[in-house]
């Protein structure tokens, strides 16, 4: 009998002290905007950096067809007449 009274008293104490805080509406948080990108994809590079990147690309991918000035110069035809 005493245990039931103690449990009821503890439940009442919990209800008066903690329950209002638990049932209170949580404040809504507005989502933060994403951080801006650290670099621009269209930014102009200083001439030294541009030269370094060109050298690096040529060194790492020497046979890259996208680095060629004229991809048809290796004898590939563009559909026109083949020279005799």
PDB file of N, CA and C in Angstrom:
ATOM      1  N   UNK A   1       0.815  -1.188   0.000  1.00  0.00           N
ATOM      2  CA  UNK A   1       0.000   0.000   0.000  1.00  0.00           C
ATOM      3  C   UNK A   1       0.868   1.265   0.000  1.00  0.00           C
ATOM      4  N   UNK A   2       1.895   1.244   0.804  1.00  0.00           N
ATOM      5  CA  UNK A   2       2.783   2.408   0.877  1.00  0.00           C
ATOM      6  C   UNK A   2       3.547   2.553  -0.444  1.00  0.00           C
ATOM      7  N   UNK A   3       3.939   1.444  -1.055  1.00  0.00           N
ATOM      8  CA  UNK A   3       4.661   1.495  -2.319  1.00  0.00           C
ATOM      9  C   UNK A   3       3.797   2.129  -3.407  1.00  0.00           C
ATOM     10  N   UNK A   4       2.506   1.830  -3.394  1.00  0.00           N
ATOM     11  CA  UNK A   4       1.604   2.405  -4.387  1.00  0.00           C
ATOM     12  C   UNK A   4       1.473   3.907  -4.172  1.00  0.00           C
ATOM     13  N   UNK A   5       1.426   4.346  -2.914  1.00  0.00           N
ATOM     14  CA  UNK A   5       1.340   5.789  -2.620  1.00  0.00           C
ATOM     15  C   UNK A   5       2.618   6.508  -3.052  1.00  0.00           C
ATOM     16  N   UNK A   6       3.767   5.878  -2.816  1.00  0.00           N
ATOM     17  CA  UNK A   6       5.032   6.488  -3.215  1.00  0.00           C
ATOM     18  C   UNK A   6       5.106   6.588  -4.740  1.00  0.00           C
ATOM     19  N   UNK A   7       4.705   5.527  -5.435  1.00  0.00           N
ATOM     20  CA  UNK A   7       4.701   5.572  -6.897  1.00  0.00           C
ATOM     21  C   UNK A   7       3.745   6.625  -7.437  1.00  0.00           C
ATOM     22  N   UNK A   8       2.582   6.761  -6.818  1.00  0.00           N
ATOM     23  CA  UNK A   8       1.617   7.773  -7.251  1.00  0.00           C
ATOM     24  C   UNK A   8       2.166   9.170  -7.000  1.00  0.00           C
ATOM     25  N   UNK A   9       2.840   9.332  -5.873  1.00  0.00           N
ATOM     26  CA  UNK A   9       3.409  10.643  -5.561  1.00  0.00           C
ATOM     27  C   UNK A   9       4.535  10.980  -6.550  1.00  0.00           C
ATOM     28  N   UNK A  10       5.386  10.005  -6.887  1.00  0.00           N
ATOM     29  CA  UNK A  10       6.454  10.239  -7.858  1.00  0.00           C
ATOM     30  C   UNK A  10       5.888  10.529  -9.246  1.00  0.00           C
ATOM     31  N   UNK A  11       4.826   9.834  -9.623  1.00  0.00           N
ATOM     32  CA  UNK A  11       4.194  10.085 -10.915  1.00  0.00           C
ATOM     33  C   UNK A  11       3.600  11.485 -10.955  1.00  0.00           C
ATOM     34  N   UNK A  12       2.985  11.923  -9.893  1.00  0.00           N
ATOM     35  CA  UNK A  12       2.436  13.282  -9.836  1.00  0.00           C
ATOM     36  C   UNK A  12       3.535  14.326  -9.898  1.00  0.00           C
ATOM     37  N   UNK A  13       4.635  14.073  -9.201  1.00  0.00           N
ATOM     38  CA  UNK A  13       5.767  15.002  -9.223  1.00  0.00           C
ATOM     39  C   UNK A  13       6.353  15.090 -10.637  1.00  0.00           C
ATOM     40  N   UNK A  14       6.499  13.948 -11.293  1.00  0.00           N
ATOM     41  CA  UNK A  14       6.992  13.926 -12.668  1.00  0.00           C
ATOM     42  C   UNK A  14       6.046  14.684 -13.585  1.00  0.00           C
ATOM     43  N   UNK A  15       4.734  14.471 -13.386  1.00  0.00           N
ATOM     44  CA  UNK A  15       3.745  15.118 -14.251  1.00  0.00           C
ATOM     45  C   UNK A  15       3.768  16.627 -14.079  1.00  0.00           C
ATOM     46  N   UNK A  16       3.966  17.115 -12.883  1.00  0.00           N
ATOM     47  CA  UNK A  16       3.934  18.564 -12.668  1.00  0.00           C
ATOM     48  C   UNK A  16       5.241  19.240 -13.060  1.00  0.00           C
ATOM     49  N   UNK A  17       6.363  18.529 -12.914  1.00  0.00           N
ATOM     50  CA  UNK A  17       7.649  19.175 -13.192  1.00  0.00           C
ATOM     51  C   UNK A  17       8.144  18.952 -14.628  1.00  0.00           C
ATOM     52  N   UNK A  18       8.067  17.756 -15.133  1.00  0.00           N
ATOM     53  CA  UNK A  18       8.701  17.429 -16.413  1.00  0.00           C
ATOM     54  C   UNK A  18       7.744  17.393 -17.593  1.00  0.00           C
ATOM     55  N   UNK A  19       6.527  16.975 -17.374  1.00  0.00           N
ATOM     56  CA  UNK A  19       5.616  16.772 -18.485  1.00  0.00           C
ATOM     57  C   UNK A  19       5.313  18.050 -19.264  1.00  0.00           C
ATOM     58  N   UNK A  20       5.098  19.202 -18.618  1.00  0.00           N
ATOM     59  CA  UNK A  20       4.842  20.411 -19.427  1.00  0.00           C
ATOM     60  C   UNK A  20       6.000  20.766 -20.366  1.00  0.00           C
ATOM     61  N   UNK A  21       7.233  20.550 -19.924  1.00  0.00           N
ATOM     62  CA  UNK A  21       8.380  20.827 -20.793  1.00  0.00           C
ATOM     63  C   UNK A  21       8.432  19.853 -21.969  1.00  0.00           C
ATOM     64  N   UNK A  22       8.080  18.599 -21.712  1.00  0.00           N
ATOM     65  CA  UNK A  22       8.115  17.610 -22.779  1.00  0.00           C
ATOM     66  C   UNK A  22       7.016  17.825 -23.803  1.00  0.00           C
ATOM     67  N   UNK A  23       5.864  18.333 -23.366  1.00  0.00           N
ATOM     68  CA  UNK A  23       4.740  18.507 -24.274  1.00  0.00           C
ATOM     69  C   UNK A  23       4.729  19.855 -24.978  1.00  0.00           C
ATOM     70  N   UNK A  24       5.585  20.775 -24.532  1.00  0.00           N
ATOM     71  CA  UNK A  24       5.640  22.095 -25.155  1.00  0.00           C
ATOM     72  C   UNK A  24       6.130  21.961 -26.588  1.00  0.00           C
ATOM     73  N   UNK A  25       5.569  22.744 -27.457  1.00  0.00           N
ATOM     74  CA  UNK A  25       5.943  22.682 -28.873  1.00  0.00           C
ATOM     75  C   UNK A  25       7.393  23.117 -29.036  1.00  0.00           C
ATOM     76  N   UNK A  26       8.108  22.347 -29.805  1.00  0.00           N
ATOM     77  CA  UNK A  26       9.504  22.680 -30.086  1.00  0.00           C
ATOM     78  C   UNK A  26       9.538  23.842 -31.074  1.00  0.00           C
ATOM     79  N   UNK A  27      10.436  24.786 -30.869  1.00  0.00           N
ATOM     80  CA  UNK A  27      10.525  25.889 -31.831  1.00  0.00           C
ATOM     81  C   UNK A  27      11.025  25.362 -33.179  1.00  0.00           C
ATOM     82  N   UNK A  28      10.439  25.887 -34.230  1.00  0.00           N
ATOM     83  CA  UNK A  28      10.850  25.441 -35.558  1.00  0.00           C
ATOM     84  C   UNK A  28      12.147  26.141 -35.936  1.00  0.00           C
ATOM     85  N   UNK A  29      13.043  25.380 -36.471  1.00  0.00           N
ATOM     86  CA  UNK A  29      14.325  25.928 -36.907  1.00  0.00           C
ATOM     87  C   UNK A  29      14.289  26.080 -38.414  1.00  0.00           C
ATOM     88  N   UNK A  30      14.669  27.226 -38.874  1.00  0.00           N
ATOM     89  CA  UNK A  30      14.747  27.423 -40.321  1.00  0.00           C
ATOM     90  C   UNK A  30      16.045  26.789 -40.802  1.00  0.00           C
ATOM     91  N   UNK A  31      15.997  26.057 -41.899  1.00  0.00           N
ATOM     92  CA  UNK A  31      17.230  25.429 -42.388  1.00  0.00           C
ATOM     93  C   UNK A  31      18.221  26.478 -42.858  1.00  0.00           C
ATOM     94  N   UNK A  32      19.477  26.225 -42.564  1.00  0.00           N
ATOM     95  CA  UNK A  32      20.529  27.146 -42.981  1.00  0.00           C
ATOM     96  C   UNK A  32      20.806  26.954 -44.476  1.00  0.00           C
ATOM     97  N   UNK A  33      21.057  28.031 -45.181  1.00  0.00           N
ATOM     98  CA  UNK A  33      21.375  27.873 -46.609  1.00  0.00           C
ATOM     99  C   UNK A  33      22.718  27.160 -46.756  1.00  0.00           C
ATOM    100  N   UNK A  34      22.900  26.418 -47.835  1.00  0.00           N
ATOM    101  CA  UNK A  34      24.184  25.714 -48.011  1.00  0.00           C
ATOM    102  C   UNK A  34      25.303  26.726 -48.183  1.00  0.00           C
ATOM    103  N   UNK A  35      26.492  26.365 -47.743  1.00  0.00           N
ATOM    104  CA  UNK A  35      27.616  27.297 -47.894  1.00  0.00           C
ATOM    105  C   UNK A  35      27.960  27.462 -49.374  1.00  0.00           C
ATOM    106  N   UNK A  36      28.453  28.616 -49.751  1.00  0.00           N
ATOM    107  CA  UNK A  36      28.821  28.814 -51.161  1.00  0.00           C
ATOM    108  C   UNK A  36      30.028  27.944 -51.508  1.00  0.00           C
ATOM    109  N   UNK A  37      30.146  27.642 -52.794  1.00  0.00           N
ATOM    110  CA  UNK A  37      31.296  26.858 -53.229  1.00  0.00           C
ATOM    111  C   UNK A  37      32.564  27.657 -52.986  1.00  0.00           C
ATOM    112  N   UNK A  38      33.654  26.995 -52.634  1.00  0.00           N
ATOM    113  CA  UNK A  38      34.878  27.742 -52.336  1.00  0.00           C
ATOM    114  C   UNK A  38      35.528  28.363 -53.570  1.00  0.00           C
ATOM    115  N   UNK A  39      35.226  27.827 -54.751  1.00  0.00           N
ATOM    116  CA  UNK A  39      35.831  28.404 -55.947  1.00  0.00           C
ATOM    117  C   UNK A  39      34.786  28.477 -57.056  1.00  0.00           C
ATOM    118  N   UNK A  40      35.032  29.346 -57.979  1.00  0.00           N
ATOM    119  CA  UNK A  40      34.126  29.514 -59.100  1.00  0.00           C
ATOM    120  C   UNK A  40      34.591  28.630 -60.248  1.00  0.00           C
ATOM    121  N   UNK A  41      33.636  28.036 -60.942  1.00  0.00           N
ATOM    122  CA  UNK A  41      33.986  27.195 -62.080  1.00  0.00           C
ATOM    123  C   UNK A  41      34.306  28.026 -63.320  1.00  0.00           C
ATOM    124  N   UNK A  42      33.946  29.290 -63.320  1.00  0.00           N
ATOM    125  CA  UNK A  42      34.184  30.134 -64.485  1.00  0.00           C
ATOM    126  C   UNK A  42      35.221  31.217 -64.213  1.00  0.00           C
ATOM    127  N   UNK A  43      35.917  31.127 -63.099  1.00  0.00           N
ATOM    128  CA  UNK A  43      36.893  32.158 -62.745  1.00  0.00           C
ATOM    129  C   UNK A  43      38.096  32.084 -63.687  1.00  0.00           C
ATOM    130  N   UNK A  44      38.633  33.235 -64.004  1.00  0.00           N
ATOM    131  CA  UNK A  44      39.840  33.301 -64.823  1.00  0.00           C
ATOM    132  C   UNK A  44      41.042  32.989 -63.934  1.00  0.00           C
ATOM    133  N   UNK A  45      41.936  32.167 -64.454  1.00  0.00           N
ATOM    134  CA  UNK A  45      43.138  31.806 -63.703  1.00  0.00           C
ATOM    135  C   UNK A  45      44.263  32.768 -64.021  1.00  0.00           C
ATOM    136  N   UNK A  46      45.145  32.982 -63.058  1.00  0.00           N
ATOM    137  CA  UNK A  46      46.353  33.749 -63.370  1.00  0.00           C
ATOM    138  C   UNK A  46      47.178  32.990 -64.412  1.00  0.00           C
ATOM    139  N   UNK A  47      47.940  33.701 -65.247  1.00  0.00           N
ATOM    140  CA  UNK A  47      48.691  33.039 -66.327  1.00  0.00           C
ATOM    141  C   UNK A  47      49.610  31.918 -65.835  1.00  0.00           C
ATOM    142  N   UNK A  48      50.241  32.088 -64.686  1.00  0.00           N
ATOM    143  CA  UNK A  48      51.128  31.046 -64.171  1.00  0.00           C
ATOM    144  C   UNK A  48      50.368  29.770 -63.833  1.00  0.00           C
ATOM    145  N   UNK A  49      49.203  29.905 -63.234  1.00  0.00           N
ATOM    146  CA  UNK A  49      48.396  28.734 -62.897  1.00  0.00           C
ATOM    147  C   UNK A  49      47.871  28.050 -64.152  1.00  0.00           C
ATOM    148  N   UNK A  50      47.525  28.845 -65.143  1.00  0.00           N
ATOM    149  CA  UNK A  50      47.025  28.284 -66.396  1.00  0.00           C
ATOM    150  C   UNK A  50      48.116  27.483 -67.103  1.00  0.00           C
ATOM    151  N   UNK A  51      49.333  28.017 -67.105  1.00  0.00           N
ATOM    152  CA  UNK A  51      50.459  27.307 -67.709  1.00  0.00           C
ATOM    153  C   UNK A  51      50.746  26.012 -66.952  1.00  0.00           C
ATOM    154  N   UNK A  52      50.697  26.066 -65.620  1.00  0.00           N
ATOM    155  CA  UNK A  52      50.965  24.880 -64.817  1.00  0.00           C
ATOM    156  C   UNK A  52      49.916  23.798 -65.084  1.00  0.00           C
ATOM    157  N   UNK A  53      48.657  24.180 -65.153  1.00  0.00           N
ATOM    158  CA  UNK A  53      47.611  23.192 -65.411  1.00  0.00           C
ATOM    159  C   UNK A  53      47.737  22.600 -66.809  1.00  0.00           C
ATOM    160  N   UNK A  54      48.123  23.413 -67.786  1.00  0.00           N
ATOM    161  CA  UNK A  54      48.325  22.890 -69.138  1.00  0.00           C
ATOM    162  C   UNK A  54      49.484  21.891 -69.153  1.00  0.00           C
ATOM    163  N   UNK A  55      50.580  22.214 -68.465  1.00  0.00           N
ATOM    164  CA  UNK A  55      51.711  21.293 -68.395  1.00  0.00           C
ATOM    165  C   UNK A  55      51.310  20.005 -67.683  1.00  0.00           C
ATOM    166  N   UNK A  56      50.570  20.132 -66.571  1.00  0.00           N
ATOM    167  CA  UNK A  56      50.156  18.967 -65.796  1.00  0.00           C
ATOM    168  C   UNK A  56      49.252  18.053 -66.620  1.00  0.00           C
ATOM    169  N   UNK A  57      48.304  18.634 -67.345  1.00  0.00           N
ATOM    170  CA  UNK A  57      47.410  17.828 -68.175  1.00  0.00           C
ATOM    171  C   UNK A  57      48.192  17.136 -69.281  1.00  0.00           C
ATOM    172  N   UNK A  58      49.138  17.820 -69.877  1.00  0.00           N
ATOM    173  CA  UNK A  58      49.944  17.222 -70.937  1.00  0.00           C
ATOM    174  C   UNK A  58      50.848  16.119 -70.388  1.00  0.00           C
ATOM    175  N   UNK A  59      51.338  16.302 -69.177  1.00  0.00           N
ATOM    176  CA  UNK A  59      52.214  15.313 -68.568  1.00  0.00           C
ATOM    177  C   UNK A  59      51.425  14.075 -68.121  1.00  0.00           C
ATOM    178  N   UNK A  60      50.235  14.269 -67.582  1.00  0.00           N
ATOM    179  CA  UNK A  60      49.450  13.141 -67.078  1.00  0.00           C
ATOM    180  C   UNK A  60      48.703  12.404 -68.177  1.00  0.00           C
ATOM    181  N   UNK A  61      48.247  13.130 -69.188  1.00  0.00           N
ATOM    182  CA  UNK A  61      47.460  12.529 -70.265  1.00  0.00           C
ATOM    183  C   UNK A  61      48.045  12.944 -71.610  1.00  0.00           C
ATOM    184  N   UNK A  62      49.201  12.420 -71.996  1.00  0.00           N
ATOM    185  CA  UNK A  62      49.840  12.882 -73.234  1.00  0.00           C
ATOM    186  C   UNK A  62      49.077  12.487 -74.490  1.00  0.00           C
ATOM    187  N   UNK A  63      48.279  11.446 -74.466  1.00  0.00           N
ATOM    188  CA  UNK A  63      47.553  10.988 -75.651  1.00  0.00           C
ATOM    189  C   UNK A  63      46.088  11.419 -75.626  1.00  0.00           C
ATOM    190  N   UNK A  64      45.754  12.429 -74.856  1.00  0.00           N
ATOM    191  CA  UNK A  64      44.364  12.865 -74.734  1.00  0.00           C
ATOM    192  C   UNK A  64      43.933  13.604 -75.999  1.00  0.00           C
ATOM    193  N   UNK A  65      42.911  13.075 -76.670  1.00  0.00           N
ATOM    194  CA  UNK A  65      42.468  13.687 -77.929  1.00  0.00           C
ATOM    195  C   UNK A  65      41.800  15.043 -77.726  1.00  0.00           C
ATOM    196  N   UNK A  66      41.371  15.342 -76.503  1.00  0.00           N
ATOM    197  CA  UNK A  66      40.721  16.625 -76.261  1.00  0.00           C
ATOM    198  C   UNK A  66      41.725  17.770 -76.142  1.00  0.00           C
ATOM    199  N   UNK A  67      42.981  17.450 -75.957  1.00  0.00           N
ATOM    200  CA  UNK A  67      43.995  18.490 -75.845  1.00  0.00           C
ATOM    201  C   UNK A  67      44.549  18.912 -77.201  1.00  0.00           C
ATOM    202  N   UNK A  68      44.250  18.156 -78.240  1.00  0.00           N
ATOM    203  CA  UNK A  68      44.766  18.477 -79.565  1.00  0.00           C
ATOM    204  C   UNK A  68      44.061  19.706 -80.134  1.00  0.00           C
ATOM    205  N   UNK A  69      44.811  20.491 -80.890  1.00  0.00           N
ATOM    206  CA  UNK A  69      44.218  21.656 -81.548  1.00  0.00           C
ATOM    207  C   UNK A  69      43.269  21.221 -82.656  1.00  0.00           C
ATOM    208  N   UNK A  70      43.711  20.268 -83.471  1.00  0.00           N
ATOM    209  CA  UNK A  70      42.917  19.796 -84.595  1.00  0.00           C
ATOM    210  C   UNK A  70      42.856  18.275 -84.531  1.00  0.00           C
ATOM    211  N   UNK A  71      41.732  17.716 -84.067  1.00  0.00           N
ATOM    212  CA  UNK A  71      41.668  16.257 -83.912  1.00  0.00           C
ATOM    213  C   UNK A  71      41.719  15.513 -85.236  1.00  0.00           C
ATOM    214  N   UNK A  72      41.490  16.182 -86.387  1.00  0.00           N
ATOM    215  CA  UNK A  72      41.496  15.516 -87.684  1.00  0.00           C
ATOM    216  C   UNK A  72      42.879  15.460 -88.317  1.00  0.00           C
ATOM    217  N   UNK A  73      43.878  15.992 -87.686  1.00  0.00           N
ATOM    218  CA  UNK A  73      45.193  16.072 -88.309  1.00  0.00           C
ATOM    219  C   UNK A  73      45.936  14.742 -88.324  1.00  0.00           C
ATOM    220  N   UNK A  74      45.443  13.736 -87.606  1.00  0.00           N
ATOM    221  CA  UNK A  74      46.105  12.436 -87.604  1.00  0.00           C
ATOM    222  C   UNK A  74      45.631  11.552 -88.737  1.00  0.00           C
ATOM    223  N   UNK A  75      45.073  12.126 -89.789  1.00  0.00           N
ATOM    224  CA  UNK A  75      44.616  11.356 -90.929  1.00  0.00           C
ATOM    225  C   UNK A  75      43.163  10.950 -90.819  1.00  0.00           C
ATOM    226  N   UNK A  76      42.493  11.362 -89.744  1.00  0.00           N
ATOM    227  CA  UNK A  76      41.071  11.046 -89.625  1.00  0.00           C
ATOM    228  C   UNK A  76      40.301  11.987 -90.540  1.00  0.00           C
ATOM    229  N   UNK A  77      39.333  11.467 -91.209  1.00  0.00           N
ATOM    230  CA  UNK A  77      38.561  12.253 -92.142  1.00  0.00           C
ATOM    231  C   UNK A  77      37.321  12.807 -91.458  1.00  0.00           C
ATOM    232  N   UNK A  78      36.914  13.985 -91.892  1.00  0.00           N
ATOM    233  CA  UNK A  78      35.683  14.574 -91.354  1.00  0.00           C
ATOM    234  C   UNK A  78      34.490  14.296 -92.268  1.00  0.00           C
ATOM    235  N   UNK A  79      34.641  13.358 -93.187  1.00  0.00           N
ATOM    236  CA  UNK A  79      33.562  13.007 -94.098  1.00  0.00           C
ATOM    237  C   UNK A  79      33.729  13.613 -95.473  1.00  0.00           C
ATOM    238  N   UNK A  80      34.699  14.478 -95.635  1.00  0.00           N
ATOM    239  CA  UNK A  80      34.941  15.109 -96.927  1.00  0.00           C
ATOM    240  C   UNK A  80      35.758  14.183 -97.825  1.00  0.00           C
ATOM    241  N   UNK A  81      36.112  14.679 -99.009  1.00  0.00           N
ATOM    242  CA  UNK A  81      36.884  13.839 -99.926  1.00  0.00           C
ATOM    243  C   UNK A  81      38.270  13.555 -99.349  1.00  0.00           C
ATOM    244  N   UNK A  82      38.716  12.351 -99.561  1.00  0.00           N
ATOM    245  CA  UNK A  82      40.040  11.938 -99.082  1.00  0.00           C
ATOM    246  C   UNK A  82      41.077  12.411-100.074  1.00  0.00           C
ATOM    247  N   UNK A  83      42.140  13.103 -99.621  1.00  0.00           N
ATOM    248  CA  UNK A  83      43.160  13.576-100.560  1.00  0.00           C
ATOM    249  C   UNK A  83      43.893  12.413-101.203  1.00  0.00           C
ATOM    250  N   UNK A  84      44.245  12.566-102.441  1.00  0.00           N
ATOM    251  CA  UNK A  84      44.886  11.482-103.199  1.00  0.00           C
ATOM    252  C   UNK A  84      46.338  11.341-102.854  1.00  0.00           C
TER     253      UNK A  84
END
